[in-house]
Amino acid sequence: MEKGSYFINIHLFDKVSKFSWNLVTVYGDAQKDGKAAFLAELSRFYQDNTHPCVIGGDFNLIRNSSEKINLED
């Protein structure tokens, strides 16, 4: 198991098939200021990893303002 600021990784190994992989759960910073740190940490993990990965969770990434939900309306 490996824990970062924005992710938790579990390295899994199937003894029968001898298949090794990573299950990664992420939670991205909801504030714009934390986006770069989140993406940098995820990128470092992926680049240093030699096994297949399944990555899921809450990325909290908004590409443009039309994706925002305005809860005040």
PDB file of N, CA and C in Angstrom:
ATOM      1  N   MET A   1       0.847  -1.179   0.000  1.00  0.00           N
ATOM      2  CA  MET A   1       0.000   0.000   0.000  1.00  0.00           C
ATOM      3  C   MET A   1       0.889   1.238   0.000  1.00  0.00           C
ATOM      4  N   GLU A   2       0.456   2.242  -0.711  1.00  0.00           N
ATOM      5  CA  GLU A   2       1.163   3.517  -0.771  1.00  0.00           C
ATOM      6  C   GLU A   2       0.135   4.627  -0.645  1.00  0.00           C
ATOM      7  N   LYS A   3       0.464   5.634   0.131  1.00  0.00           N
ATOM      8  CA  LYS A   3      -0.460   6.743   0.338  1.00  0.00           C
ATOM      9  C   LYS A   3       0.237   8.046  -0.038  1.00  0.00           C
ATOM     10  N   GLY A   4      -0.428   8.840  -0.870  1.00  0.00           N
ATOM     11  CA  GLY A   4       0.049  10.171  -1.205  1.00  0.00           C
ATOM     12  C   GLY A   4      -0.897  11.200  -0.619  1.00  0.00           C
ATOM     13  N   SER A   5      -0.677  12.434  -0.957  1.00  0.00           N
ATOM     14  CA  SER A   5      -1.580  13.488  -0.483  1.00  0.00           C
ATOM     15  C   SER A   5      -2.943  13.404  -1.155  1.00  0.00           C
ATOM     16  N   TYR A   6      -2.970  12.908  -2.394  1.00  0.00           N
ATOM     17  CA  TYR A   6      -4.208  12.884  -3.171  1.00  0.00           C
ATOM     18  C   TYR A   6      -4.618  11.487  -3.623  1.00  0.00           C
ATOM     19  N   PHE A   7      -3.900  10.443  -3.222  1.00  0.00           N
ATOM     20  CA  PHE A   7      -4.256   9.103  -3.659  1.00  0.00           C
ATOM     21  C   PHE A   7      -3.876   8.049  -2.620  1.00  0.00           C
ATOM     22  N   ILE A   8      -4.514   6.899  -2.761  1.00  0.00           N
ATOM     23  CA  ILE A   8      -4.132   5.694  -2.029  1.00  0.00           C
ATOM     24  C   ILE A   8      -4.000   4.602  -3.080  1.00  0.00           C
ATOM     25  N   ASN A   9      -2.888   3.896  -3.067  1.00  0.00           N
ATOM     26  CA  ASN A   9      -2.625   2.832  -4.021  1.00  0.00           C
ATOM     27  C   ASN A   9      -2.503   1.504  -3.286  1.00  0.00           C
ATOM     28  N   ILE A  10      -3.119   0.479  -3.852  1.00  0.00           N
ATOM     29  CA  ILE A  10      -2.957  -0.876  -3.356  1.00  0.00           C
ATOM     30  C   ILE A  10      -2.387  -1.703  -4.497  1.00  0.00           C
ATOM     31  N   HIS A  11      -1.233  -2.297  -4.265  1.00  0.00           N
ATOM     32  CA  HIS A  11      -0.604  -3.171  -5.254  1.00  0.00           C
ATOM     33  C   HIS A  11      -1.173  -4.577  -5.064  1.00  0.00           C
ATOM     34  N   LEU A  12      -1.759  -5.128  -6.114  1.00  0.00           N
ATOM     35  CA  LEU A  12      -2.403  -6.436  -6.052  1.00  0.00           C
ATOM     36  C   LEU A  12      -1.660  -7.438  -6.926  1.00  0.00           C
ATOM     37  N   PHE A  13      -1.648  -8.686  -6.475  1.00  0.00           N
ATOM     38  CA  PHE A  13      -0.976  -9.750  -7.214  1.00  0.00           C
ATOM     39  C   PHE A  13      -1.848 -10.999  -7.180  1.00  0.00           C
ATOM     40  N   ASP A  14      -2.164 -11.523  -8.365  1.00  0.00           N
ATOM     41  CA  ASP A  14      -2.942 -12.746  -8.484  1.00  0.00           C
ATOM     42  C   ASP A  14      -1.962 -13.918  -8.561  1.00  0.00           C
ATOM     43  N   LYS A  15      -1.979 -14.758  -7.554  1.00  0.00           N
ATOM     44  CA  LYS A  15      -1.036 -15.881  -7.482  1.00  0.00           C
ATOM     45  C   LYS A  15      -1.246 -16.899  -8.601  1.00  0.00           C
ATOM     46  N   VAL A  16      -2.485 -17.090  -9.018  1.00  0.00           N
ATOM     47  CA  VAL A  16      -2.781 -18.079 -10.050  1.00  0.00           C
ATOM     48  C   VAL A  16      -2.259 -17.623 -11.414  1.00  0.00           C
ATOM     49  N   SER A  17      -2.640 -16.407 -11.807  1.00  0.00           N
ATOM     50  CA  SER A  17      -2.246 -15.911 -13.133  1.00  0.00           C
ATOM     51  C   SER A  17      -0.905 -15.189 -13.126  1.00  0.00           C
ATOM     52  N   LYS A  18      -0.383 -14.931 -11.935  1.00  0.00           N
ATOM     53  CA  LYS A  18       0.880 -14.190 -11.770  1.00  0.00           C
ATOM     54  C   LYS A  18       0.773 -12.769 -12.334  1.00  0.00           C
ATOM     55  N   PHE A  19      -0.420 -12.208 -12.266  1.00  0.00           N
ATOM     56  CA  PHE A  19      -0.680 -10.857 -12.786  1.00  0.00           C
ATOM     57  C   PHE A  19      -0.604  -9.850 -11.645  1.00  0.00           C
ATOM     58  N   SER A  20       0.171  -8.807 -11.849  1.00  0.00           N
ATOM     59  CA  SER A  20       0.376  -7.775 -10.841  1.00  0.00           C
ATOM     60  C   SER A  20      -0.168  -6.449 -11.360  1.00  0.00           C
ATOM     61  N   TRP A  21      -0.913  -5.717 -10.519  1.00  0.00           N
ATOM     62  CA  TRP A  21      -1.493  -4.446 -10.948  1.00  0.00           C
ATOM     63  C   TRP A  21      -1.751  -3.558  -9.744  1.00  0.00           C
ATOM     64  N   ASN A  22      -2.077  -2.307 -10.008  1.00  0.00           N
ATOM     65  CA  ASN A  22      -2.346  -1.317  -8.969  1.00  0.00           C
ATOM     66  C   ASN A  22      -3.784  -0.837  -9.048  1.00  0.00           C
ATOM     67  N   LEU A  23      -4.408  -0.740  -7.890  1.00  0.00           N
ATOM     68  CA  LEU A  23      -5.730  -0.137  -7.757  1.00  0.00           C
ATOM     69  C   LEU A  23      -5.534   1.187  -7.032  1.00  0.00           C
ATOM     70  N   VAL A  24      -5.825   2.281  -7.711  1.00  0.00           N
ATOM     71  CA  VAL A  24      -5.545   3.617  -7.181  1.00  0.00           C
ATOM     72  C   VAL A  24      -6.857   4.383  -7.022  1.00  0.00           C
ATOM     73  N   THR A  25      -7.078   4.920  -5.836  1.00  0.00           N
ATOM     74  CA  THR A  25      -8.227   5.772  -5.567  1.00  0.00           C
ATOM     75  C   THR A  25      -7.716   7.187  -5.355  1.00  0.00           C
ATOM     76  N   VAL A  26      -8.313   8.143  -6.064  1.00  0.00           N
ATOM     77  CA  VAL A  26      -7.849   9.529  -5.977  1.00  0.00           C
ATOM     78  C   VAL A  26      -8.954  10.436  -5.451  1.00  0.00           C
ATOM     79  N   TYR A  27      -8.527  11.524  -4.859  1.00  0.00           N
ATOM     80  CA  TYR A  27      -9.441  12.608  -4.512  1.00  0.00           C
ATOM     81  C   TYR A  27      -8.719  13.909  -4.841  1.00  0.00           C
ATOM     82  N   GLY A  28      -9.123  14.546  -5.938  1.00  0.00           N
ATOM     83  CA  GLY A  28      -8.501  15.784  -6.370  1.00  0.00           C
ATOM     84  C   GLY A  28      -8.984  16.968  -5.565  1.00  0.00           C
ATOM     85  N   ASP A  29      -8.126  17.935  -5.427  1.00  0.00           N
ATOM     86  CA  ASP A  29      -8.458  19.160  -4.700  1.00  0.00           C
ATOM     87  C   ASP A  29      -9.566  19.896  -5.440  1.00  0.00           C
ATOM     88  N   ALA A  30     -10.609  20.273  -4.734  1.00  0.00           N
ATOM     89  CA  ALA A  30     -11.729  20.981  -5.352  1.00  0.00           C
ATOM     90  C   ALA A  30     -11.387  22.436  -5.655  1.00  0.00           C
ATOM     91  N   GLN A  31     -10.354  22.966  -5.034  1.00  0.00           N
ATOM     92  CA  GLN A  31      -9.951  24.354  -5.256  1.00  0.00           C
ATOM     93  C   GLN A  31      -8.932  24.427  -6.390  1.00  0.00           C
ATOM     94  N   LYS A  32      -9.019  25.482  -7.173  1.00  0.00           N
ATOM     95  CA  LYS A  32      -8.133  25.650  -8.330  1.00  0.00           C
ATOM     96  C   LYS A  32      -6.654  25.660  -7.919  1.00  0.00           C
ATOM     97  N   ASP A  33      -6.354  26.199  -6.744  1.00  0.00           N
ATOM     98  CA  ASP A  33      -4.966  26.292  -6.296  1.00  0.00           C
ATOM     99  C   ASP A  33      -4.305  24.932  -6.116  1.00  0.00           C
ATOM    100  N   GLY A  34      -5.064  23.891  -5.820  1.00  0.00           N
ATOM    101  CA  GLY A  34      -4.496  22.575  -5.574  1.00  0.00           C
ATOM    102  C   GLY A  34      -4.424  21.668  -6.788  1.00  0.00           C
ATOM    103  N   LYS A  35      -4.938  22.117  -7.925  1.00  0.00           N
ATOM    104  CA  LYS A  35      -4.983  21.275  -9.124  1.00  0.00           C
ATOM    105  C   LYS A  35      -3.601  20.863  -9.602  1.00  0.00           C
ATOM    106  N   ALA A  36      -2.664  21.791  -9.645  1.00  0.00           N
ATOM    107  CA  ALA A  36      -1.317  21.481 -10.149  1.00  0.00           C
ATOM    108  C   ALA A  36      -0.630  20.445  -9.268  1.00  0.00           C
ATOM    109  N   ALA A  37      -0.750  20.589  -7.959  1.00  0.00           N
ATOM    110  CA  ALA A  37      -0.130  19.624  -7.037  1.00  0.00           C
ATOM    111  C   ALA A  37      -0.766  18.245  -7.195  1.00  0.00           C
ATOM    112  N   PHE A  38      -2.087  18.192  -7.339  1.00  0.00           N
ATOM    113  CA  PHE A  38      -2.793  16.930  -7.539  1.00  0.00           C
ATOM    114  C   PHE A  38      -2.320  16.231  -8.803  1.00  0.00           C
ATOM    115  N   LEU A  39      -2.309  16.958  -9.915  1.00  0.00           N
ATOM    116  CA  LEU A  39      -1.905  16.363 -11.183  1.00  0.00           C
ATOM    117  C   LEU A  39      -0.427  15.976 -11.189  1.00  0.00           C
ATOM    118  N   ALA A  40       0.425  16.768 -10.545  1.00  0.00           N
ATOM    119  CA  ALA A  40       1.852  16.443 -10.467  1.00  0.00           C
ATOM    120  C   ALA A  40       2.071  15.160  -9.672  1.00  0.00           C
ATOM    121  N   GLU A  41       1.370  15.021  -8.539  1.00  0.00           N
ATOM    122  CA  GLU A  41       1.531  13.812  -7.728  1.00  0.00           C
ATOM    123  C   GLU A  41       1.037  12.579  -8.482  1.00  0.00           C
ATOM    124  N   LEU A  42      -0.092  12.685  -9.140  1.00  0.00           N
ATOM    125  CA  LEU A  42      -0.631  11.568  -9.904  1.00  0.00           C
ATOM    126  C   LEU A  42       0.297  11.209 -11.065  1.00  0.00           C
ATOM    127  N   SER A  43       0.844  12.213 -11.713  1.00  0.00           N
ATOM    128  CA  SER A  43       1.779  11.992 -12.810  1.00  0.00           C
ATOM    129  C   SER A  43       3.050  11.294 -12.330  1.00  0.00           C
ATOM    130  N   ARG A  44       3.606  11.736 -11.191  1.00  0.00           N
ATOM    131  CA  ARG A  44       4.808  11.090 -10.639  1.00  0.00           C
ATOM    132  C   ARG A  44       4.541   9.625 -10.304  1.00  0.00           C
ATOM    133  N   PHE A  45       3.388   9.355  -9.697  1.00  0.00           N
ATOM    134  CA  PHE A  45       3.046   7.977  -9.372  1.00  0.00           C
ATOM    135  C   PHE A  45       2.997   7.139 -10.639  1.00  0.00           C
ATOM    136  N   TYR A  46       2.315   7.624 -11.650  1.00  0.00           N
ATOM    137  CA  TYR A  46       2.134   6.859 -12.884  1.00  0.00           C
ATOM    138  C   TYR A  46       3.465   6.648 -13.603  1.00  0.00           C
ATOM    139  N   GLN A  47       4.312   7.654 -13.653  1.00  0.00           N
ATOM    140  CA  GLN A  47       5.598   7.537 -14.335  1.00  0.00           C
ATOM    141  C   GLN A  47       6.540   6.561 -13.634  1.00  0.00           C
ATOM    142  N   ASP A  48       6.482   6.496 -12.314  1.00  0.00           N
ATOM    143  CA  ASP A  48       7.356   5.607 -11.545  1.00  0.00           C
ATOM    144  C   ASP A  48       6.815   4.182 -11.462  1.00  0.00           C
ATOM    145  N   ASN A  49       5.638   3.951 -11.968  1.00  0.00           N
ATOM    146  CA  ASN A  49       4.972   2.665 -11.842  1.00  0.00           C
ATOM    147  C   ASN A  49       5.227   1.804 -13.078  1.00  0.00           C
ATOM    148  N   THR A  50       5.507   0.519 -12.862  1.00  0.00           N
ATOM    149  CA  THR A  50       5.746  -0.386 -13.991  1.00  0.00           C
ATOM    150  C   THR A  50       4.594  -1.348 -14.231  1.00  0.00           C
ATOM    151  N   HIS A  51       3.559  -1.313 -13.396  1.00  0.00           N
ATOM    152  CA  HIS A  51       2.435  -2.242 -13.497  1.00  0.00           C
ATOM    153  C   HIS A  51       1.196  -1.527 -14.049  1.00  0.00           C
ATOM    154  N   PRO A  52       0.279  -2.290 -14.650  1.00  0.00           N
ATOM    155  CA  PRO A  52      -0.986  -1.689 -15.087  1.00  0.00           C
ATOM    156  C   PRO A  52      -1.727  -1.078 -13.896  1.00  0.00           C
ATOM    157  N   CYS A  53      -2.508  -0.035 -14.177  1.00  0.00           N
ATOM    158  CA  CYS A  53      -3.232   0.678 -13.120  1.00  0.00           C
ATOM    159  C   CYS A  53      -4.706   0.809 -13.469  1.00  0.00           C
ATOM    160  N   VAL A  54      -5.532   0.717 -12.446  1.00  0.00           N
ATOM    161  CA  VAL A  54      -6.930   1.124 -12.538  1.00  0.00           C
ATOM    162  C   VAL A  54      -7.045   2.310 -11.598  1.00  0.00           C
ATOM    163  N   ILE A  55      -7.398   3.463 -12.160  1.00  0.00           N
ATOM    164  CA  ILE A  55      -7.464   4.695 -11.377  1.00  0.00           C
ATOM    165  C   ILE A  55      -8.904   5.192 -11.385  1.00  0.00           C
ATOM    166  N   GLY A  56      -9.436   5.447 -10.204  1.00  0.00           N
ATOM    167  CA  GLY A  56     -10.800   5.953 -10.098  1.00  0.00           C
ATOM    168  C   GLY A  56     -10.942   6.823  -8.869  1.00  0.00           C
ATOM    169  N   GLY A  57     -12.034   7.524  -8.792  1.00  0.00           N
ATOM    170  CA  GLY A  57     -12.285   8.373  -7.638  1.00  0.00           C
ATOM    171  C   GLY A  57     -12.888   9.688  -8.055  1.00  0.00           C
ATOM    172  N   ASP A  58     -12.641  10.697  -7.265  1.00  0.00           N
ATOM    173  CA  ASP A  58     -13.194  12.026  -7.502  1.00  0.00           C
ATOM    174  C   ASP A  58     -12.058  12.949  -7.933  1.00  0.00           C
ATOM    175  N   PHE A  59     -11.963  13.190  -9.230  1.00  0.00           N
ATOM    176  CA  PHE A  59     -10.875  14.003  -9.762  1.00  0.00           C
ATOM    177  C   PHE A  59     -11.112  15.491  -9.555  1.00  0.00           C
ATOM    178  N   ASN A  60     -12.361  15.918  -9.416  1.00  0.00           N
ATOM    179  CA  ASN A  60     -12.697  17.332  -9.212  1.00  0.00           C
ATOM    180  C   ASN A  60     -12.075  18.242 -10.265  1.00  0.00           C
ATOM    181  N   LEU A  61     -12.002  17.779 -11.495  1.00  0.00           N
ATOM    182  CA  LEU A  61     -11.427  18.591 -12.556  1.00  0.00           C
ATOM    183  C   LEU A  61     -12.529  19.228 -13.384  1.00  0.00           C
ATOM    184  N   ILE A  62     -12.453  20.528 -13.547  1.00  0.00           N
ATOM    185  CA  ILE A  62     -13.391  21.279 -14.366  1.00  0.00           C
ATOM    186  C   ILE A  62     -12.591  21.916 -15.490  1.00  0.00           C
ATOM    187  N   ARG A  63     -12.929  21.564 -16.711  1.00  0.00           N
ATOM    188  CA  ARG A  63     -12.182  22.068 -17.857  1.00  0.00           C
ATOM    189  C   ARG A  63     -12.613  23.469 -18.255  1.00  0.00           C
ATOM    190  N   ASN A  64     -13.914  23.759 -18.146  1.00  0.00           N
ATOM    191  CA  ASN A  64     -14.384  25.100 -18.469  1.00  0.00           C
ATOM    192  C   ASN A  64     -15.602  25.445 -17.599  1.00  0.00           C
ATOM    193  N   SER A  65     -15.983  26.705 -17.607  1.00  0.00           N
ATOM    194  CA  SER A  65     -17.027  27.184 -16.691  1.00  0.00           C
ATOM    195  C   SER A  65     -18.402  26.558 -16.966  1.00  0.00           C
ATOM    196  N   SER A  66     -18.638  26.051 -18.169  1.00  0.00           N
ATOM    197  CA  SER A  66     -19.944  25.433 -18.469  1.00  0.00           C
ATOM    198  C   SER A  66     -20.152  24.117 -17.712  1.00  0.00           C
ATOM    199  N   GLU A  67     -19.077  23.533 -17.185  1.00  0.00           N
ATOM    200  CA  GLU A  67     -19.173  22.289 -16.411  1.00  0.00           C
ATOM    201  C   GLU A  67     -19.517  22.532 -14.946  1.00  0.00           C
ATOM    202  N   LYS A  68     -19.460  23.768 -14.501  1.00  0.00           N
ATOM    203  CA  LYS A  68     -19.748  24.083 -13.109  1.00  0.00           C
ATOM    204  C   LYS A  68     -21.247  23.970 -12.840  1.00  0.00           C
ATOM    205  N   ILE A  69     -21.576  23.530 -11.654  1.00  0.00           N
ATOM    206  CA  ILE A  69     -22.969  23.501 -11.224  1.00  0.00           C
ATOM    207  C   ILE A  69     -23.173  24.678 -10.276  1.00  0.00           C
ATOM    208  N   ASN A  70     -24.055  25.560 -10.625  1.00  0.00           N
ATOM    209  CA  ASN A  70     -24.329  26.721  -9.801  1.00  0.00           C
ATOM    210  C   ASN A  70     -25.455  26.362  -8.833  1.00  0.00           C
ATOM    211  N   LEU A  71     -25.105  26.157  -7.576  1.00  0.00           N
ATOM    212  CA  LEU A  71     -26.084  25.737  -6.576  1.00  0.00           C
ATOM    213  C   LEU A  71     -26.928  26.904  -6.049  1.00  0.00           C
ATOM    214  N   GLU A  72     -26.608  28.116  -6.444  1.00  0.00           N
ATOM    215  CA  GLU A  72     -27.340  29.294  -5.967  1.00  0.00           C
ATOM    216  C   GLU A  72     -28.571  29.577  -6.796  1.00  0.00           C
ATOM    217  N   ASP A  73     -28.753  28.961  -7.945  1.00  0.00           N
ATOM    218  CA  ASP A  73     -29.926  29.203  -8.806  1.00  0.00           C
ATOM    219  C   ASP A  73     -31.121  28.457  -8.315  1.00  0.00           C
TER     220      ASP A  73
END
